[in-house]
Each structure stands twice: as C-alpha cells, then as structure tokens.
Amino acid sequence: MNKIGERIKKKRELLNLNLNTLAEKVGISSSALSQIEKSKSFPSIFTLKSIAENLYTSVGELIGENDSLSNNPVVTKKDQIYRSK
C-alpha cells in the first residue's frame, strides 16, 4: 500500500507538475498531497480517482494492479519444470 505515494510522485514528476499544481487540480491541499506521496496518509477513492485523472493514468496503475501480474507470472502446465530431490 505504501507504494501508491511513490507511484503518484513518480507520475507527477514525469509530467513536470509541481506538488502545488497537482494538489490544486485535485482539490486538496499541497500538504495533504505531500502526506499521500510520503505514505503518511492514504487518499479516499474519490481523491485517488481525481489524482489518476490529473496524472493521465488509471487508479489501477497507481495501486499497482499490474505489478502483481509481473511479479507472479502464470506458468502453464507444459512450461512447468519438475525437479527431483
């Protein structure tokens, strides 16, 4: 859960948005956005959706829904390797 803030900050910096600008667009204080980026607080789903929209991404991307797929690849039966002990 603490990576949400890191992802928000990374996306914000990639778009060359400063903290105050994004906070204003989202409708929260720059202090609140700073706390979210530092994982000291977590946004409501409505705030997270607004942040995602203003960063031109999805909520799923910010919460790392695709990360779990890359860290846990699906292995088909034919690709399994059995090792004897």
C-alpha atoms as a PDB file:
ATOM      1  CA  MET A   1       0.000   0.000   0.000  1.00  0.00           C
ATOM      2  CA  ASN A   2       2.895   2.394   0.664  1.00  0.00           C
ATOM      3  CA  LYS A   3       3.936   2.348  -2.998  1.00  0.00           C
ATOM      4  CA  ILE A   4       0.855   4.325  -4.040  1.00  0.00           C
ATOM      5  CA  GLY A   5       2.536   7.509  -2.875  1.00  0.00           C
ATOM      6  CA  GLU A   6       5.741   6.639  -4.690  1.00  0.00           C
ATOM      7  CA  ARG A   7       3.827   5.972  -7.912  1.00  0.00           C
ATOM      8  CA  ILE A   8       1.920   9.257  -7.619  1.00  0.00           C
ATOM      9  CA  LYS A   9       5.123  11.216  -7.070  1.00  0.00           C
ATOM     10  CA  LYS A  10       6.885   9.480  -9.961  1.00  0.00           C
ATOM     11  CA  LYS A  11       3.985  10.156 -12.368  1.00  0.00           C
ATOM     12  CA  ARG A  12       3.745  13.767 -11.176  1.00  0.00           C
ATOM     13  CA  GLU A  13       7.458  14.345 -11.737  1.00  0.00           C
ATOM     14  CA  LEU A  14       7.331  12.676 -15.181  1.00  0.00           C
ATOM     15  CA  LEU A  15       4.682  15.219 -16.156  1.00  0.00           C
ATOM     16  CA  ASN A  16       6.770  18.060 -14.697  1.00  0.00           C
ATOM     17  CA  LEU A  17       3.949  19.013 -12.334  1.00  0.00           C
ATOM     18  CA  ASN A  18       4.872  20.544  -9.035  1.00  0.00           C
ATOM     19  CA  LEU A  19       3.114  19.463  -5.863  1.00  0.00           C
ATOM     20  CA  ASN A  20       1.050  22.650  -5.567  1.00  0.00           C
ATOM     21  CA  THR A  21      -0.248  22.451  -9.138  1.00  0.00           C
ATOM     22  CA  LEU A  22      -1.423  18.849  -8.842  1.00  0.00           C
ATOM     23  CA  ALA A  23      -2.950  19.462  -5.420  1.00  0.00           C
ATOM     24  CA  GLU A  24      -4.897  22.431  -6.779  1.00  0.00           C
ATOM     25  CA  LYS A  25      -6.159  20.404  -9.748  1.00  0.00           C
ATOM     26  CA  VAL A  26      -7.243  17.574  -7.453  1.00  0.00           C
ATOM     27  CA  GLY A  27      -8.853  19.924  -4.952  1.00  0.00           C
ATOM     28  CA  ILE A  28      -6.736  19.084  -1.917  1.00  0.00           C
ATOM     29  CA  SER A  29      -4.038  20.976  -0.068  1.00  0.00           C
ATOM     30  CA  SER A  30      -0.404  20.590  -1.057  1.00  0.00           C
ATOM     31  CA  SER A  31       0.222  19.367   2.488  1.00  0.00           C
ATOM     32  CA  ALA A  32      -2.338  16.576   2.033  1.00  0.00           C
ATOM     33  CA  LEU A  33      -0.785  15.554  -1.294  1.00  0.00           C
ATOM     34  CA  SER A  34       2.669  15.582   0.269  1.00  0.00           C
ATOM     35  CA  GLN A  35       1.466  13.261   3.041  1.00  0.00           C
ATOM     36  CA  ILE A  36      -0.053  10.922   0.449  1.00  0.00           C
ATOM     37  CA  GLU A  37       3.204  10.815  -1.524  1.00  0.00           C
ATOM     38  CA  LYS A  38       5.150  10.066   1.664  1.00  0.00           C
ATOM     39  CA  SER A  39       2.645   7.327   2.626  1.00  0.00           C
ATOM     40  CA  LYS A  40       1.781   9.130   5.848  1.00  0.00           C
ATOM     41  CA  SER A  41      -1.874   9.174   4.788  1.00  0.00           C
ATOM     42  CA  PHE A  42      -3.944   7.441   2.165  1.00  0.00           C
ATOM     43  CA  PRO A  43      -6.372   9.127  -0.222  1.00  0.00           C
ATOM     44  CA  SER A  44     -10.062   8.356  -0.406  1.00  0.00           C
ATOM     45  CA  ILE A  45     -11.136   6.537  -3.538  1.00  0.00           C
ATOM     46  CA  PHE A  46     -12.589   9.794  -4.877  1.00  0.00           C
ATOM     47  CA  THR A  47      -9.309  11.640  -4.315  1.00  0.00           C
ATOM     48  CA  LEU A  48      -7.329   8.769  -5.808  1.00  0.00           C
ATOM     49  CA  LYS A  49      -9.567   8.827  -8.897  1.00  0.00           C
ATOM     50  CA  SER A  50      -9.038  12.574  -9.273  1.00  0.00           C
ATOM     51  CA  ILE A  51      -5.271  12.195  -8.861  1.00  0.00           C
ATOM     52  CA  ALA A  52      -5.250   9.454 -11.520  1.00  0.00           C
ATOM     53  CA  GLU A  53      -7.274  11.568 -13.944  1.00  0.00           C
ATOM     54  CA  ASN A  54      -4.959  14.543 -13.496  1.00  0.00           C
ATOM     55  CA  LEU A  55      -1.902  12.332 -13.999  1.00  0.00           C
ATOM     56  CA  TYR A  56      -3.441  10.822 -17.154  1.00  0.00           C
ATOM     57  CA  THR A  57      -3.379   7.322 -15.721  1.00  0.00           C
ATOM     58  CA  SER A  58      -5.726   4.873 -14.032  1.00  0.00           C
ATOM     59  CA  VAL A  59      -6.395   4.083 -10.406  1.00  0.00           C
ATOM     60  CA  GLY A  60      -5.277   0.536 -11.181  1.00  0.00           C
ATOM     61  CA  GLU A  61      -1.897   1.799 -12.342  1.00  0.00           C
ATOM     62  CA  LEU A  62      -1.464   3.866  -9.170  1.00  0.00           C
ATOM     63  CA  ILE A  63      -2.358   0.987  -6.858  1.00  0.00           C
ATOM     64  CA  GLY A  64      -0.055  -1.360  -8.753  1.00  0.00           C
ATOM     65  CA  GLU A  65      -2.628  -3.772 -10.102  1.00  0.00           C
ATOM     66  CA  ASN A  66      -0.289  -4.679 -12.972  1.00  0.00           C
ATOM     67  CA  ASP A  67       2.735  -5.130 -10.692  1.00  0.00           C
ATOM     68  CA  SER A  68       1.324  -8.254  -9.101  1.00  0.00           C
ATOM     69  CA  LEU A  69       0.972  -9.838 -12.536  1.00  0.00           C
ATOM     70  CA  SER A  70       4.588  -9.199 -13.428  1.00  0.00           C
ATOM     71  CA  ASN A  71       5.804 -10.461 -10.048  1.00  0.00           C
ATOM     72  CA  ASN A  72       3.648 -13.610 -10.189  1.00  0.00           C
ATOM     73  CA  PRO A  73       3.690 -14.849 -13.765  1.00  0.00           C
ATOM     74  CA  VAL A  74       1.294 -17.550 -14.827  1.00  0.00           C
ATOM     75  CA  VAL A  75       3.001 -20.815 -15.684  1.00  0.00           C
ATOM     76  CA  THR A  76       1.151 -23.251 -17.903  1.00  0.00           C
ATOM     77  CA  LYS A  77       1.293 -26.956 -17.240  1.00  0.00           C
ATOM     78  CA  LYS A  78       3.512 -27.587 -20.283  1.00  0.00           C
ATOM     79  CA  ASP A  79       6.007 -24.952 -19.049  1.00  0.00           C
ATOM     80  CA  GLN A  80       6.389 -26.455 -15.590  1.00  0.00           C
ATOM     81  CA  ILE A  81       9.753 -27.926 -14.742  1.00  0.00           C
ATOM     82  CA  TYR A  82       9.837 -30.758 -12.252  1.00  0.00           C
ATOM     83  CA  ARG A  83      12.969 -31.301 -10.280  1.00  0.00           C
ATOM     84  CA  SER A  84      13.779 -34.406  -8.353  1.00  0.00           C
ATOM     85  CA  LYS A  85      15.040 -34.047  -4.820  1.00  0.00           C
END
